């Protein structure tokens, strides 16, 4: 460590942690690359292995690195995030931060509305609704599975206009293509474990943590218009929220 480190109010392990964090953020240690061994880091920073171990533990707690038993310590892949204080589609939010979004459309079909879907959209029981299943690809990697339900008439209009759902958010389609301005959405968020289907769709291990978002979006006249479940890989995505007292 430098002479200035001797006069720093931070403990040695915290100073090492900060310097390693800066190297990771600067790209000196790229995502999924292996960090030097504890011995090598000890020599690099001229501190004990115990200090290095403490610094690595802090970085691990913050999700910046992860250990693979018998192989070493690696830099975590940075998570994409979306601010949920605004009503935005996934592509709309991610594109503004420089990410590339594509969608794999698995299906789009008319089905008999499940009871919960009909209730949420305030539709009669057994009415037809449009069901859309898509996998969202963030920088060509699957990050979410989206199950969307729309009133039948909206689905028909989307098909009539030949909207390319591989590149479009549902929100953008509703507002720009169908001239249906949106008002607000109610969200419920919980965590589940990936079953076989989700694991395959999101390219994660079975029982991996999945962030599940239930979202009911209303139009400007406060009528429910879009009911969906969004399943995000906990390894690559997070929601962020700032609240004030």
C-alpha atoms as a PDB file:
ATOM      1  CA  UNK A   1       0.000   0.000   0.000  1.00  0.00           C
ATOM      2  CA  UNK A   2       1.117   3.593  -0.549  1.00  0.00           C
ATOM      3  CA  UNK A   3       2.310   5.850   2.236  1.00  0.00           C
ATOM      4  CA  UNK A   4      -0.956   7.776   2.031  1.00  0.00           C
ATOM      5  CA  UNK A   5      -2.766   4.591   3.034  1.00  0.00           C
ATOM      6  CA  UNK A   6      -1.097   4.749   6.423  1.00  0.00           C
ATOM      7  CA  UNK A   7      -2.955   7.983   7.168  1.00  0.00           C
ATOM      8  CA  UNK A   8      -6.300   6.936   5.736  1.00  0.00           C
ATOM      9  CA  UNK A   9      -9.171   6.637   8.245  1.00  0.00           C
ATOM     10  CA  UNK A  10     -10.330   3.485   6.432  1.00  0.00           C
ATOM     11  CA  UNK A  11      -9.175   0.047   7.617  1.00  0.00           C
ATOM     12  CA  UNK A  12      -6.633  -1.601   5.311  1.00  0.00           C
ATOM     13  CA  UNK A  13      -9.112  -4.189   3.999  1.00  0.00           C
ATOM     14  CA  UNK A  14     -11.545  -1.392   3.108  1.00  0.00           C
ATOM     15  CA  UNK A  15      -8.825   0.449   1.198  1.00  0.00           C
ATOM     16  CA  UNK A  16      -8.000  -2.705  -0.747  1.00  0.00           C
ATOM     17  CA  UNK A  17     -11.691  -3.303  -1.390  1.00  0.00           C
ATOM     18  CA  UNK A  18     -12.124   0.233  -2.776  1.00  0.00           C
ATOM     19  CA  UNK A  19      -9.115  -0.121  -5.080  1.00  0.00           C
ATOM     20  CA  UNK A  20     -10.279  -3.490  -6.388  1.00  0.00           C
ATOM     21  CA  UNK A  21     -13.758  -2.090  -6.925  1.00  0.00           C
ATOM     22  CA  UNK A  22     -12.306   0.795  -8.934  1.00  0.00           C
ATOM     23  CA  UNK A  23     -10.331  -1.651 -11.091  1.00  0.00           C
ATOM     24  CA  UNK A  24     -13.468  -3.699 -11.737  1.00  0.00           C
ATOM     25  CA  UNK A  25     -15.520  -0.639 -12.632  1.00  0.00           C
ATOM     26  CA  UNK A  26     -12.734   0.664 -14.892  1.00  0.00           C
ATOM     27  CA  UNK A  27     -12.663  -2.645 -16.748  1.00  0.00           C
ATOM     28  CA  UNK A  28      -9.165  -3.661 -15.619  1.00  0.00           C
ATOM     29  CA  UNK A  29     -10.855  -6.848 -14.418  1.00  0.00           C
ATOM     30  CA  UNK A  30     -13.618  -7.553 -16.923  1.00  0.00           C
ATOM     31  CA  UNK A  31     -16.903  -9.348 -16.239  1.00  0.00           C
ATOM     32  CA  UNK A  32     -16.475 -13.092 -15.605  1.00  0.00           C
ATOM     33  CA  UNK A  33     -12.668 -12.780 -15.618  1.00  0.00           C
ATOM     34  CA  UNK A  34     -10.691 -14.415 -12.829  1.00  0.00           C
ATOM     35  CA  UNK A  35      -9.065 -12.253 -10.175  1.00  0.00           C
ATOM     36  CA  UNK A  36      -5.455 -12.878  -9.136  1.00  0.00           C
ATOM     37  CA  UNK A  37      -5.018 -15.347  -6.272  1.00  0.00           C
ATOM     38  CA  UNK A  38      -4.982 -14.200  -2.654  1.00  0.00           C
ATOM     39  CA  UNK A  39      -1.186 -14.595  -2.617  1.00  0.00           C
ATOM     40  CA  UNK A  40      -0.824 -12.470  -5.762  1.00  0.00           C
ATOM     41  CA  UNK A  41      -3.152  -9.787  -4.403  1.00  0.00           C
ATOM     42  CA  UNK A  42      -1.285  -9.839  -1.100  1.00  0.00           C
ATOM     43  CA  UNK A  43       1.956  -9.083  -2.919  1.00  0.00           C
ATOM     44  CA  UNK A  44       0.305  -6.519  -5.199  1.00  0.00           C
ATOM     45  CA  UNK A  45      -1.111  -4.482  -2.306  1.00  0.00           C
ATOM     46  CA  UNK A  46       1.655  -5.331   0.190  1.00  0.00           C
ATOM     47  CA  UNK A  47      -0.815  -6.471   2.827  1.00  0.00           C
ATOM     48  CA  UNK A  48      -1.538  -9.761   4.562  1.00  0.00           C
ATOM     49  CA  UNK A  49      -3.689 -12.512   3.079  1.00  0.00           C
ATOM     50  CA  UNK A  50      -6.152 -11.953   5.933  1.00  0.00           C
ATOM     51  CA  UNK A  51      -6.607  -8.357   4.760  1.00  0.00           C
ATOM     52  CA  UNK A  52      -7.120  -9.548   1.178  1.00  0.00           C
ATOM     53  CA  UNK A  53      -9.618 -12.147   2.334  1.00  0.00           C
ATOM     54  CA  UNK A  54     -11.599  -9.470   4.217  1.00  0.00           C
ATOM     55  CA  UNK A  55     -11.612  -7.183   1.165  1.00  0.00           C
ATOM     56  CA  UNK A  56     -12.793  -9.999  -1.100  1.00  0.00           C
ATOM     57  CA  UNK A  57     -15.503 -10.911   1.387  1.00  0.00           C
ATOM     58  CA  UNK A  58     -16.843  -7.341   1.244  1.00  0.00           C
ATOM     59  CA  UNK A  59     -16.810  -7.344  -2.565  1.00  0.00           C
ATOM     60  CA  UNK A  60     -18.619 -10.682  -2.559  1.00  0.00           C
ATOM     61  CA  UNK A  61     -21.284  -9.339  -0.192  1.00  0.00           C
ATOM     62  CA  UNK A  62     -21.882  -6.454  -2.585  1.00  0.00           C
ATOM     63  CA  UNK A  63     -22.229  -8.848  -5.522  1.00  0.00           C
ATOM     64  CA  UNK A  64     -19.192  -7.602  -7.427  1.00  0.00           C
ATOM     65  CA  UNK A  65     -17.341 -10.931  -7.314  1.00  0.00           C
ATOM     66  CA  UNK A  66     -18.157 -14.586  -6.757  1.00  0.00           C
ATOM     67  CA  UNK A  67     -16.145 -17.656  -5.827  1.00  0.00           C
ATOM     68  CA  UNK A  68     -16.107 -21.001  -7.608  1.00  0.00           C
ATOM     69  CA  UNK A  69     -14.924 -23.783  -5.333  1.00  0.00           C
ATOM     70  CA  UNK A  70     -11.595 -25.135  -6.460  1.00  0.00           C
ATOM     71  CA  UNK A  71     -11.232 -22.618  -9.287  1.00  0.00           C
ATOM     72  CA  UNK A  72     -10.893 -19.151  -7.765  1.00  0.00           C
ATOM     73  CA  UNK A  73     -12.627 -15.792  -7.585  1.00  0.00           C
ATOM     74  CA  UNK A  74     -14.324 -14.177 -10.568  1.00  0.00           C
ATOM     75  CA  UNK A  75     -15.825 -10.799 -11.439  1.00  0.00           C
ATOM     76  CA  UNK A  76     -19.609 -10.838 -11.507  1.00  0.00           C
ATOM     77  CA  UNK A  77     -21.530  -9.877 -14.602  1.00  0.00           C
ATOM     78  CA  UNK A  78     -23.038  -6.413 -13.985  1.00  0.00           C
ATOM     79  CA  UNK A  79     -26.807  -6.402 -13.530  1.00  0.00           C
ATOM     80  CA  UNK A  80     -29.095  -4.345 -15.682  1.00  0.00           C
ATOM     81  CA  UNK A  81     -31.607  -2.341 -13.688  1.00  0.00           C
ATOM     82  CA  UNK A  82     -34.849  -0.504 -14.236  1.00  0.00           C
ATOM     83  CA  UNK A  83     -36.212   2.355 -12.185  1.00  0.00           C
ATOM     84  CA  UNK A  84     -39.804   1.563 -11.245  1.00  0.00           C
ATOM     85  CA  UNK A  85     -40.769   5.105 -10.266  1.00  0.00           C
ATOM     86  CA  UNK A  86     -41.716   5.563 -13.938  1.00  0.00           C
ATOM     87  CA  UNK A  87     -44.115   3.533 -16.055  1.00  0.00           C
ATOM     88  CA  UNK A  88     -41.833   2.287 -18.823  1.00  0.00           C
ATOM     89  CA  UNK A  89     -41.567  -0.733 -21.030  1.00  0.00           C
ATOM     90  CA  UNK A  90     -38.484  -2.882 -20.665  1.00  0.00           C
ATOM     91  CA  UNK A  91     -36.963  -1.935 -24.028  1.00  0.00           C
ATOM     92  CA  UNK A  92     -37.745   1.729 -23.434  1.00  0.00           C
ATOM     93  CA  UNK A  93     -35.910   1.671 -20.111  1.00  0.00           C
ATOM     94  CA  UNK A  94     -32.957  -0.432 -21.250  1.00  0.00           C
ATOM     95  CA  UNK A  95     -32.401   1.427 -24.532  1.00  0.00           C
ATOM     96  CA  UNK A  96     -31.988   4.686 -22.632  1.00  0.00           C
ATOM     97  CA  UNK A  97     -29.032   3.152 -20.776  1.00  0.00           C
ATOM     98  CA  UNK A  98     -27.337   1.888 -23.922  1.00  0.00           C
ATOM     99  CA  UNK A  99     -28.485  -1.746 -23.884  1.00  0.00           C
ATOM    100  CA  UNK A 100     -29.703  -3.592 -26.963  1.00  0.00           C
ATOM    101  CA  UNK A 101     -33.073  -5.312 -26.641  1.00  0.00           C
ATOM    102  CA  UNK A 102     -34.582  -7.980 -28.860  1.00  0.00           C
ATOM    103  CA  UNK A 103     -37.564 -10.230 -28.205  1.00  0.00           C
ATOM    104  CA  UNK A 104     -38.085 -13.853 -29.044  1.00  0.00           C
ATOM    105  CA  UNK A 105     -41.825 -14.185 -29.647  1.00  0.00           C
ATOM    106  CA  UNK A 106     -42.810 -17.669 -28.528  1.00  0.00           C
ATOM    107  CA  UNK A 107     -46.532 -17.349 -29.262  1.00  0.00           C
ATOM    108  CA  UNK A 108     -49.397 -14.948 -29.787  1.00  0.00           C
ATOM    109  CA  UNK A 109     -52.862 -16.484 -29.755  1.00  0.00           C
ATOM    110  CA  UNK A 110     -56.453 -16.098 -28.655  1.00  0.00           C
ATOM    111  CA  UNK A 111     -57.358 -18.175 -25.605  1.00  0.00           C
ATOM    112  CA  UNK A 112     -60.211 -18.399 -23.150  1.00  0.00           C
ATOM    113  CA  UNK A 113     -59.328 -15.967 -20.368  1.00  0.00           C
ATOM    114  CA  UNK A 114     -58.239 -17.649 -17.133  1.00  0.00           C
ATOM    115  CA  UNK A 115     -60.544 -16.557 -14.313  1.00  0.00           C
ATOM    116  CA  UNK A 116     -57.932 -14.322 -12.699  1.00  0.00           C
ATOM    117  CA  UNK A 117     -57.096 -12.654 -16.006  1.00  0.00           C
ATOM    118  CA  UNK A 118     -60.755 -11.923 -16.749  1.00  0.00           C
ATOM    119  CA  UNK A 119     -61.196 -10.475 -13.271  1.00  0.00           C
ATOM    120  CA  UNK A 120     -58.100  -8.271 -13.520  1.00  0.00           C
ATOM    121  CA  UNK A 121     -59.097  -6.920 -16.940  1.00  0.00           C
ATOM    122  CA  UNK A 122     -62.734  -6.557 -15.842  1.00  0.00           C
ATOM    123  CA  UNK A 123     -63.937  -8.842 -18.617  1.00  0.00           C
ATOM    124  CA  UNK A 124     -66.758 -11.427 -18.649  1.00  0.00           C
ATOM    125  CA  UNK A 125     -65.903 -14.992 -17.654  1.00  0.00           C
ATOM    126  CA  UNK A 126     -64.843 -17.277 -20.536  1.00  0.00           C
ATOM    127  CA  UNK A 127     -64.264 -14.371 -22.910  1.00  0.00           C
ATOM    128  CA  UNK A 128     -61.401 -14.579 -25.388  1.00  0.00           C
ATOM    129  CA  UNK A 129     -58.195 -12.661 -24.668  1.00  0.00           C
ATOM    130  CA  UNK A 130     -54.912 -12.308 -26.527  1.00  0.00           C
ATOM    131  CA  UNK A 131     -52.028 -14.112 -24.859  1.00  0.00           C
ATOM    132  CA  UNK A 132     -48.455 -13.185 -25.823  1.00  0.00           C
ATOM    133  CA  UNK A 133     -45.377 -15.067 -24.640  1.00  0.00           C
ATOM    134  CA  UNK A 134     -41.954 -13.517 -25.185  1.00  0.00           C
ATOM    135  CA  UNK A 135     -38.395 -13.928 -23.984  1.00  0.00           C
ATOM    136  CA  UNK A 136     -36.606 -10.584 -23.690  1.00  0.00           C
ATOM    137  CA  UNK A 137     -32.975 -10.622 -24.777  1.00  0.00           C
ATOM    138  CA  UNK A 138     -30.652  -8.059 -23.233  1.00  0.00           C
ATOM    139  CA  UNK A 139     -27.468  -7.723 -25.313  1.00  0.00           C
ATOM    140  CA  UNK A 140     -28.395 -11.076 -26.910  1.00  0.00           C
ATOM    141  CA  UNK A 141     -28.752 -12.881 -23.563  1.00  0.00           C
ATOM    142  CA  UNK A 142     -32.139 -13.951 -22.131  1.00  0.00           C
ATOM    143  CA  UNK A 143     -33.018 -11.793 -19.140  1.00  0.00           C
ATOM    144  CA  UNK A 144     -36.790 -12.071 -18.780  1.00  0.00           C
ATOM    145  CA  UNK A 145     -39.841 -14.078 -19.778  1.00  0.00           C
ATOM    146  CA  UNK A 146     -42.989 -12.043 -20.354  1.00  0.00           C
ATOM    147  CA  UNK A 147     -46.523 -13.429 -20.262  1.00  0.00           C
ATOM    148  CA  UNK A 148     -48.996 -10.783 -21.431  1.00  0.00           C
ATOM    149  CA  UNK A 149     -52.802 -10.756 -21.589  1.00  0.00           C
ATOM    150  CA  UNK A 150     -54.696  -8.138 -23.585  1.00  0.00           C
ATOM    151  CA  UNK A 151     -58.393  -7.748 -24.455  1.00  0.00           C
ATOM    152  CA  UNK A 152     -59.171  -9.573 -27.697  1.00  0.00           C
ATOM    153  CA  UNK A 153     -59.864  -6.411 -29.686  1.00  0.00           C
ATOM    154  CA  UNK A 154     -56.427  -5.020 -28.864  1.00  0.00           C
ATOM    155  CA  UNK A 155     -54.723  -8.218 -29.935  1.00  0.00           C
ATOM    156  CA  UNK A 156     -56.610  -8.173 -33.227  1.00  0.00           C
ATOM    157  CA  UNK A 157     -55.538  -4.573 -33.880  1.00  0.00           C
ATOM    158  CA  UNK A 158     -51.903  -5.463 -33.173  1.00  0.00           C
ATOM    159  CA  UNK A 159     -52.119  -8.241 -35.749  1.00  0.00           C
ATOM    160  CA  UNK A 160     -53.921  -6.051 -38.276  1.00  0.00           C
ATOM    161  CA  UNK A 161     -51.175  -3.441 -38.030  1.00  0.00           C
ATOM    162  CA  UNK A 162     -48.565  -6.173 -38.365  1.00  0.00           C
ATOM    163  CA  UNK A 163     -46.643  -4.848 -35.387  1.00  0.00           C
ATOM    164  CA  UNK A 164     -43.244  -6.477 -35.025  1.00  0.00           C
ATOM    165  CA  UNK A 165     -43.248  -7.633 -31.398  1.00  0.00           C
ATOM    166  CA  UNK A 166     -39.634  -8.733 -31.746  1.00  0.00           C
ATOM    167  CA  UNK A 167     -38.527  -5.114 -31.401  1.00  0.00           C
ATOM    168  CA  UNK A 168     -41.468  -3.336 -29.735  1.00  0.00           C
ATOM    169  CA  UNK A 169     -42.644  -2.860 -26.157  1.00  0.00           C
ATOM    170  CA  UNK A 170     -46.345  -3.518 -25.585  1.00  0.00           C
ATOM    171  CA  UNK A 171     -46.558  -0.061 -23.981  1.00  0.00           C
ATOM    172  CA  UNK A 172     -45.121   1.558 -27.108  1.00  0.00           C
ATOM    173  CA  UNK A 173     -47.520  -0.370 -29.315  1.00  0.00           C
ATOM    174  CA  UNK A 174     -50.537   0.647 -27.234  1.00  0.00           C
ATOM    175  CA  UNK A 175     -49.647   4.340 -27.247  1.00  0.00           C
ATOM    176  CA  UNK A 176     -48.006   4.868 -30.627  1.00  0.00           C
ATOM    177  CA  UNK A 177     -49.725   2.292 -32.844  1.00  0.00           C
ATOM    178  CA  UNK A 178     -53.175   2.048 -31.254  1.00  0.00           C
ATOM    179  CA  UNK A 179     -53.416   5.581 -29.830  1.00  0.00           C
ATOM    180  CA  UNK A 180     -54.240   4.324 -26.324  1.00  0.00           C
ATOM    181  CA  UNK A 181     -52.440   6.576 -23.815  1.00  0.00           C
ATOM    182  CA  UNK A 182     -51.503   4.866 -20.559  1.00  0.00           C
ATOM    183  CA  UNK A 183     -52.261   6.074 -17.072  1.00  0.00           C
ATOM    184  CA  UNK A 184     -50.764   3.961 -14.292  1.00  0.00           C
ATOM    185  CA  UNK A 185     -49.855   0.420 -13.306  1.00  0.00           C
ATOM    186  CA  UNK A 186     -50.183  -1.644 -10.139  1.00  0.00           C
ATOM    187  CA  UNK A 187     -47.206  -3.894  -9.403  1.00  0.00           C
ATOM    188  CA  UNK A 188     -46.740  -6.853  -7.108  1.00  0.00           C
ATOM    189  CA  UNK A 189     -43.185  -8.163  -6.799  1.00  0.00           C
ATOM    190  CA  UNK A 190     -41.996 -11.384  -5.207  1.00  0.00           C
ATOM    191  CA  UNK A 191     -39.268 -13.995  -5.585  1.00  0.00           C
ATOM    192  CA  UNK A 192     -39.683 -17.570  -6.774  1.00  0.00           C
ATOM    193  CA  UNK A 193     -37.449 -20.428  -7.834  1.00  0.00           C
ATOM    194  CA  UNK A 194     -37.046 -21.296 -11.500  1.00  0.00           C
ATOM    195  CA  UNK A 195     -38.932 -24.410 -12.552  1.00  0.00           C
ATOM    196  CA  UNK A 196     -37.833 -26.491 -15.534  1.00  0.00           C
ATOM    197  CA  UNK A 197     -39.583 -24.247 -18.063  1.00  0.00           C
ATOM    198  CA  UNK A 198     -38.281 -20.946 -16.680  1.00  0.00           C
ATOM    199  CA  UNK A 199     -34.788 -22.378 -16.273  1.00  0.00           C
ATOM    200  CA  UNK A 200     -34.737 -23.350 -19.932  1.00  0.00           C
ATOM    201  CA  UNK A 201     -36.202 -20.054 -21.165  1.00  0.00           C
ATOM    202  CA  UNK A 202     -33.838 -17.890 -19.118  1.00  0.00           C
ATOM    203  CA  UNK A 203     -30.784 -20.157 -19.417  1.00  0.00           C
ATOM    204  CA  UNK A 204     -30.376 -20.532 -15.652  1.00  0.00           C
ATOM    205  CA  UNK A 205     -30.200 -23.501 -13.328  1.00  0.00           C
ATOM    206  CA  UNK A 206     -33.389 -25.060 -11.981  1.00  0.00           C
ATOM    207  CA  UNK A 207     -34.254 -23.510  -8.575  1.00  0.00           C
ATOM    208  CA  UNK A 208     -32.279 -20.343  -9.396  1.00  0.00           C
ATOM    209  CA  UNK A 209     -33.822 -17.175  -7.900  1.00  0.00           C
ATOM    210  CA  UNK A 210     -36.333 -15.486 -10.193  1.00  0.00           C
ATOM    211  CA  UNK A 211     -37.855 -12.048  -9.691  1.00  0.00           C
ATOM    212  CA  UNK A 212     -41.562 -12.225 -10.522  1.00  0.00           C
ATOM    213  CA  UNK A 213     -43.502  -9.056 -11.287  1.00  0.00           C
ATOM    214  CA  UNK A 214     -47.286  -9.058 -11.610  1.00  0.00           C
ATOM    215  CA  UNK A 215     -48.307  -5.853 -13.410  1.00  0.00           C
ATOM    216  CA  UNK A 216     -51.757  -4.524 -14.230  1.00  0.00           C
ATOM    217  CA  UNK A 217     -51.608  -1.455 -16.462  1.00  0.00           C
ATOM    218  CA  UNK A 218     -54.497   0.983 -16.864  1.00  0.00           C
ATOM    219  CA  UNK A 219     -55.147   3.440 -19.668  1.00  0.00           C
ATOM    220  CA  UNK A 220     -55.607   7.185 -19.211  1.00  0.00           C
ATOM    221  CA  UNK A 221     -59.307   6.570 -18.451  1.00  0.00           C
ATOM    222  CA  UNK A 222     -58.258   4.232 -15.600  1.00  0.00           C
ATOM    223  CA  UNK A 223     -59.500   1.117 -17.375  1.00  0.00           C
ATOM    224  CA  UNK A 224     -57.343  -2.036 -17.076  1.00  0.00           C
ATOM    225  CA  UNK A 225     -55.812  -2.738 -20.456  1.00  0.00           C
ATOM    226  CA  UNK A 226     -52.738  -4.958 -19.997  1.00  0.00           C
ATOM    227  CA  UNK A 227     -52.214  -7.729 -17.430  1.00  0.00           C
ATOM    228  CA  UNK A 228     -48.893  -9.531 -17.355  1.00  0.00           C
ATOM    229  CA  UNK A 229     -46.360 -11.563 -15.466  1.00  0.00           C
ATOM    230  CA  UNK A 230     -42.699 -10.687 -15.898  1.00  0.00           C
ATOM    231  CA  UNK A 231     -40.071 -13.185 -14.804  1.00  0.00           C
ATOM    232  CA  UNK A 232     -36.542 -11.806 -14.476  1.00  0.00           C
ATOM    233  CA  UNK A 233     -33.337 -13.714 -13.933  1.00  0.00           C
ATOM    234  CA  UNK A 234     -32.076 -12.726 -10.484  1.00  0.00           C
ATOM    235  CA  UNK A 235     -28.525 -13.144 -11.769  1.00  0.00           C
ATOM    236  CA  UNK A 236     -28.736 -10.385 -14.358  1.00  0.00           C
ATOM    237  CA  UNK A 237     -31.487  -7.915 -13.476  1.00  0.00           C
ATOM    238  CA  UNK A 238     -32.781  -5.816 -10.630  1.00  0.00           C
ATOM    239  CA  UNK A 239     -35.428  -3.171 -10.044  1.00  0.00           C
ATOM    240  CA  UNK A 240     -34.404   0.072  -8.373  1.00  0.00           C
ATOM    241  CA  UNK A 241     -36.583   2.466  -6.427  1.00  0.00           C
ATOM    242  CA  UNK A 242     -35.858   5.772  -4.720  1.00  0.00           C
ATOM    243  CA  UNK A 243     -38.290   6.846  -2.015  1.00  0.00           C
ATOM    244  CA  UNK A 244     -38.433   9.996   0.086  1.00  0.00           C
ATOM    245  CA  UNK A 245     -39.490  10.533   3.647  1.00  0.00           C
END
